[in-house]
Protein backbone atom coordinates (compact mmCIF):
# COMPACT_ATOMS: atom_id res chain seq x y z
CA MET A 1 -2.73 -0.35 -18.01
CA GLY A 2 -1.85 3.09 -16.96
CA ARG A 3 -0.63 5.94 -19.35
CA ARG A 4 2.88 6.63 -19.72
CA TYR A 5 4.29 8.71 -16.93
CA GLU A 6 1.33 8.10 -14.61
CA LEU A 7 1.54 6.57 -11.17
CA SER A 8 0.91 2.94 -11.23
CA ASP A 9 -1.87 1.58 -8.53
CA VAL A 10 0.93 0.65 -6.32
CA GLU A 11 2.57 3.93 -6.45
CA TRP A 12 -0.65 5.86 -5.76
CA GLU A 13 -1.41 3.48 -2.94
CA ALA A 14 1.87 4.12 -1.38
CA LEU A 15 1.83 7.97 -1.84
CA SER A 16 -1.98 8.77 -1.19
CA ARG A 17 -1.65 8.32 2.60
CA TYR A 18 0.65 11.47 2.77
CA LEU A 19 -2.11 13.76 1.07
CA PRO A 20 -3.90 16.17 3.21
CA SER A 21 -7.53 15.61 3.67
CA ALA A 22 -9.96 17.57 1.69
CA VAL A 23 -11.63 20.31 3.68
CA THR A 24 -15.29 19.94 4.17
CA GLY A 25 -17.50 22.51 2.73
CA GLY A 26 -17.07 24.66 -0.43
CA ARG A 27 -16.38 23.37 -3.81
CA PRO A 28 -15.22 19.72 -4.09
CA ARG A 29 -11.69 19.09 -4.38
CA VAL A 30 -10.42 18.10 -7.98
CA ASP A 31 -9.43 14.21 -7.89
CA ASP A 32 -6.10 13.86 -5.99
CA ARG A 33 -5.04 11.17 -8.30
CA ARG A 34 -5.63 13.05 -11.32
CA VAL A 35 -3.89 16.13 -9.94
CA LEU A 36 -0.91 14.07 -8.82
CA ASN A 37 -0.69 12.44 -12.16
CA GLY A 38 -0.59 15.74 -13.83
CA ILE A 39 2.23 16.87 -11.67
CA VAL A 40 4.04 13.46 -12.20
CA TRP A 41 3.48 13.86 -16.07
CA LYS A 42 5.16 17.36 -15.94
CA ILE A 43 8.14 16.37 -14.03
CA ARG A 44 8.89 13.04 -15.79
CA ALA A 45 8.24 14.60 -19.27
CA GLY A 46 10.22 17.75 -18.50
CA ALA A 47 7.35 19.77 -19.79
CA ALA A 48 6.00 23.34 -19.00
CA TRP A 49 3.47 23.57 -16.75
CA ARG A 50 1.01 24.96 -19.68
CA ASP A 51 1.87 21.84 -21.56
CA VAL A 52 0.16 19.48 -19.01
CA PRO A 53 -2.39 17.50 -20.91
CA ALA A 54 -6.18 18.65 -20.48
CA ARG A 55 -7.15 15.27 -19.02
CA TYR A 56 -5.37 15.98 -15.82
CA GLY A 57 -7.53 19.28 -15.33
CA SER A 58 -6.30 22.96 -15.71
CA TRP A 59 -2.66 23.50 -15.67
CA GLN A 60 -3.39 26.17 -13.25
CA SER A 61 -5.12 24.19 -10.98
CA ILE A 62 -2.43 21.50 -10.92
CA TYR A 63 0.34 24.12 -10.47
CA THR A 64 -1.46 25.66 -7.62
CA ARG A 65 -2.17 22.09 -5.96
CA PHE A 66 1.88 21.40 -6.51
CA ARG A 67 2.93 24.71 -4.98
CA ARG A 68 0.58 23.92 -1.89
CA TRP A 69 1.78 20.72 -1.16
CA ALA A 70 5.44 21.67 -1.62
CA LEU A 71 5.00 24.40 0.87
CA ASP A 72 3.03 22.37 3.46
CA GLY A 73 5.26 19.63 3.70
CA THR A 74 3.58 17.17 1.85
CA PHE A 75 6.13 16.37 -0.62
CA GLN A 76 8.67 16.02 1.98
CA ALA A 77 6.89 13.55 4.03
CA ALA A 78 6.07 11.56 1.01
CA ALA A 79 9.81 11.57 -0.33
CA HIS A 80 10.93 10.29 3.10
CA ARG A 81 8.57 7.34 3.35
CA THR A 82 9.27 3.65 3.88
CA GLU A 83 7.75 0.95 1.46
CA LEU A 84 7.26 -2.56 2.02
CA VAL A 85 8.76 -4.82 -0.46
CA VAL A 86 8.32 -8.75 -1.01
CA SER A 87 9.10 -11.47 -3.19
CA GLY A 88 7.01 -14.73 -3.59
CA PRO A 89 3.23 -14.74 -2.19
CA THR A 90 1.43 -11.47 -2.03
CA SER A 91 -1.83 -10.51 0.06
CA PRO A 92 -4.67 -8.40 -1.41
CA ALA A 93 -5.01 -6.92 1.95
CA VAL A 94 -1.48 -5.19 2.07
CA PRO A 95 -0.15 -3.00 -0.81
CA VAL A 96 3.41 -4.01 -1.40
CA ARG A 97 6.07 -3.76 -4.12
CA LEU A 98 7.99 -6.52 -5.83
CA THR A 99 11.59 -7.17 -5.27
CA SER A 100 12.47 -7.52 -8.69
CA SER A 101 11.16 -4.54 -9.83
CA VAL A 102 12.45 -2.55 -7.09
CA VAL A 103 15.92 -3.40 -7.60
CA VAL A 104 15.74 -2.24 -11.17
CA GLU A 105 14.27 0.77 -10.15
CA VAL A 106 16.84 1.77 -7.69
CA VAL A 107 19.65 0.97 -10.05
CA ARG A 108 18.18 3.38 -12.69
CA ALA A 109 17.82 6.02 -10.01
CA ALA A 110 21.62 6.12 -9.38
CA ARG A 111 23.41 9.24 -10.81
CA ALA A 112 26.57 9.06 -9.03
CA SER A 113 27.10 5.93 -6.84
CA LEU A 114 25.55 2.33 -6.38
CA LEU A 115 26.48 0.22 -3.44
CA VAL A 116 25.30 -3.42 -4.04
CA VAL A 117 25.51 -6.13 -1.33
CA SER A 118 24.58 -9.64 -1.34
CA PHE A 119 25.40 -13.10 0.01
CA ALA A 120 24.56 -15.29 -3.04
CA ALA A 121 24.09 -14.14 -6.67
CA TYR A 122 23.31 -15.88 -9.87
CA GLY A 123 20.67 -16.36 -12.46
CA VAL A 124 19.78 -12.56 -12.61
CA PRO A 125 21.06 -11.16 -16.12
CA GLU A 126 18.39 -8.54 -15.66
CA VAL A 127 20.00 -6.98 -12.91
CA VAL A 128 23.60 -6.97 -14.65
CA ASP A 129 21.87 -5.78 -17.56
CA GLU A 130 20.79 -2.65 -15.50
CA LEU A 131 24.13 -2.17 -13.78
CA VAL A 132 25.99 -2.21 -17.00
CA PRO A 133 24.45 0.85 -18.37
CA ALA A 134 24.52 2.32 -14.96
CA ALA A 135 28.24 2.07 -15.03
CA ASP A 136 28.53 3.32 -18.73
CA ARG A 137 26.81 6.60 -17.55
CA GLY A 138 29.43 7.27 -15.05
CA VAL A 139 28.03 5.67 -11.91
CA ARG A 140 30.29 4.32 -9.66
CA VAL A 141 29.48 0.77 -8.75
CA ASP A 142 30.64 -1.03 -5.63
CA LEU A 143 29.78 -4.81 -5.38
CA VAL A 144 30.25 -6.37 -2.01
CA LEU A 145 29.82 -10.31 -2.46
CA GLU A 146 30.15 -13.44 -0.32
CA SER A 147 33.25 -15.53 -1.21
CA SER A 148 33.33 -19.26 -1.79
CA ALA A 149 34.40 -21.41 1.11
CA ASP A 150 37.60 -22.10 -0.90
CA ASP A 151 38.49 -18.31 -0.92
CA GLY A 152 37.75 -17.78 2.77
CA GLY A 153 33.90 -17.09 2.54
CA THR A 154 31.09 -19.42 3.24
CA LEU A 155 29.32 -20.09 -0.15
CA ARG A 156 29.59 -23.64 -1.13
CA GLY A 157 31.26 -24.47 -4.65
CA SER A 158 34.21 -22.95 -6.28
CA SER A 159 32.84 -19.77 -7.35
CA GLY A 160 31.77 -16.77 -5.24
CA ALA A 161 29.07 -14.56 -5.86
CA SER A 162 31.03 -12.28 -7.86
CA ALA A 163 30.98 -14.80 -10.76
CA ALA A 164 27.38 -13.51 -11.68
CA PHE A 165 28.96 -9.81 -12.70
CA ARG A 166 31.72 -10.89 -15.08
CA LYS A 167 30.45 -8.47 -17.53
CA LEU A 168 31.18 -5.62 -14.96
CA ASP A 169 34.93 -7.02 -14.37
CA SER A 170 36.36 -3.54 -15.94
CA GLN A 171 33.56 -1.21 -14.83
CA ALA A 172 32.93 -2.12 -11.13
CA THR A 173 34.89 -2.52 -8.04
CA PHE A 174 34.28 -5.84 -6.38
CA TRP A 175 34.84 -6.30 -2.56
CA ARG A 176 35.08 -9.21 -0.48
CA TRP A 177 35.23 -9.98 3.54
CA ALA A 178 38.93 -11.18 4.08
CA ALA A 179 39.25 -14.54 5.80
CA ARG A 180 41.66 -13.10 8.04
CA THR A 181 39.44 -10.59 9.45
CA ARG A 182 36.60 -13.11 10.28
CA PHE A 183 36.76 -14.01 13.86
CA ALA A 184 35.25 -17.44 13.96
CA ALA A 185 33.66 -19.08 17.16
CA GLY A 186 34.95 -22.87 16.75
CA THR A 187 34.79 -24.25 13.38
CA SER A 188 31.99 -21.78 12.38
CA ARG A 189 32.84 -18.97 9.98
CA PRO A 190 30.99 -15.94 10.08
CA ALA A 191 29.07 -15.05 6.76
CA MET A 192 28.45 -11.96 5.11
CA HIS A 193 24.30 -12.10 5.05
CA ALA A 194 23.48 -8.16 4.08
CA LYS A 195 21.61 -7.75 1.28
CA ILE A 196 21.54 -4.01 -0.03
CA VAL A 197 21.08 -1.96 -3.30
CA ALA A 198 21.67 1.68 -2.45
CA ALA A 199 21.75 4.58 -4.63
CA ASP A 200 23.48 7.84 -4.17
CA SER A 201 23.17 7.80 -0.37
CA ALA A 202 19.35 8.68 -1.05
CA THR A 203 17.36 5.56 -1.70
CA ALA A 204 18.23 2.18 -0.59
CA LEU A 205 16.39 -1.45 -0.67
CA VAL A 206 17.27 -3.58 2.39
CA SER A 207 15.79 -7.09 1.89
CA SER A 208 16.05 -10.63 3.10
CA SER A 209 16.71 -11.59 -0.66
CA ASN A 210 19.80 -12.44 -2.35
CA LEU A 211 20.32 -11.64 -5.65
CA THR A 212 19.25 -14.69 -7.25
CA ASP A 213 16.39 -15.67 -9.57
CA ARG A 214 14.37 -17.46 -6.76
CA GLY A 215 15.18 -14.82 -4.30
CA LEU A 216 13.83 -11.89 -6.39
CA SER A 217 10.86 -13.70 -7.59
CA ASP A 218 9.83 -17.15 -6.11
CA ASN A 219 11.05 -17.23 -2.37
CA LEU A 220 9.07 -15.76 0.45
CA GLU A 221 11.13 -12.82 1.08
CA VAL A 222 10.38 -9.42 2.57
CA GLY A 223 12.26 -6.05 2.58
CA VAL A 224 11.82 -2.21 2.83
CA VAL A 225 12.78 0.65 0.44
CA LEU A 226 14.09 3.63 2.37
CA HIS A 227 13.87 7.06 0.91
CA GLU A 228 15.36 8.91 3.78
CA PRO A 229 18.49 10.21 2.94
CA GLU A 230 19.98 10.78 6.56
CA VAL A 231 19.53 6.78 7.21
CA VAL A 232 20.71 5.97 3.61
CA ARG A 233 23.84 7.91 4.02
CA ARG A 234 24.69 6.42 7.53
CA LEU A 235 24.18 2.96 5.92
CA VAL A 236 26.47 3.64 2.97
CA GLU A 237 28.91 5.42 5.11
CA HIS A 238 29.15 2.36 7.33
CA PHE A 239 30.29 0.19 4.35
CA SER A 240 32.55 2.89 3.08
CA ALA A 241 34.21 2.55 6.51
CA LEU A 242 34.50 -1.24 6.30
CA MET A 243 36.29 -0.48 2.69
CA THR A 244 39.12 1.38 4.32
CA GLY A 245 42.56 0.30 4.56
CA THR A 246 42.16 -1.27 7.78
CA GLY A 247 38.51 -2.36 7.25
CA PRO A 248 37.56 -6.04 6.87
CA LEU A 249 36.11 -5.66 3.27
CA LYS A 250 39.19 -5.98 0.71
CA ARG A 251 39.29 -5.31 -3.03
CA LEU A 252 38.82 -8.20 -4.78
CA ARG A 253 39.48 -6.80 -8.23
């Protein structure tokens, strides 16, 4: 088990590919993972450079590497990365992240706004328990969820996906795709199949997984985490436009 504030194996695997190669000849470069863990420790702990523990090397070397990577674009490239996310079976051949943990991570990262979109939702109290404190700290939470067939949607049963988030009734804004704006082909009614969790127009999980217990853990699902603010901003703006007065998404409560 890694130390507090240090990168997990999955995080290191995702970030290491963006680090520049060591220059051949001369003195060997201090281990990149150790240095990066020192940088991460400093940032996550909110400490001064001089307070970085000695196990990561000298603080001067860590600061020098931090400044070099900041100036040469290394951090920018890593910040704009795309990560593979899965539920269900994993493969030792390909490093991936798990949907359940990424959902929690994205929700915790939000400082101003959260956009949550799902077709179905049930059996995920851990997600609800993350959204409540997010709303408590002032994050605007928009939940765009499919309705039941009785309410103009396509979910079977009498309850729509919003029932899973009752604890947020007074803290979040709920949206549904109004039946009158669903242009059906024959007897087939269009469904809202998008699955997204986006934080602050900066980071977004786009996945095949619904916010259900099996979707987040057991089903074979795939998705990506986008760390490209421009792309995430456009994604969020798309849904914001659908929520305008003439848009198809209508406020449920």
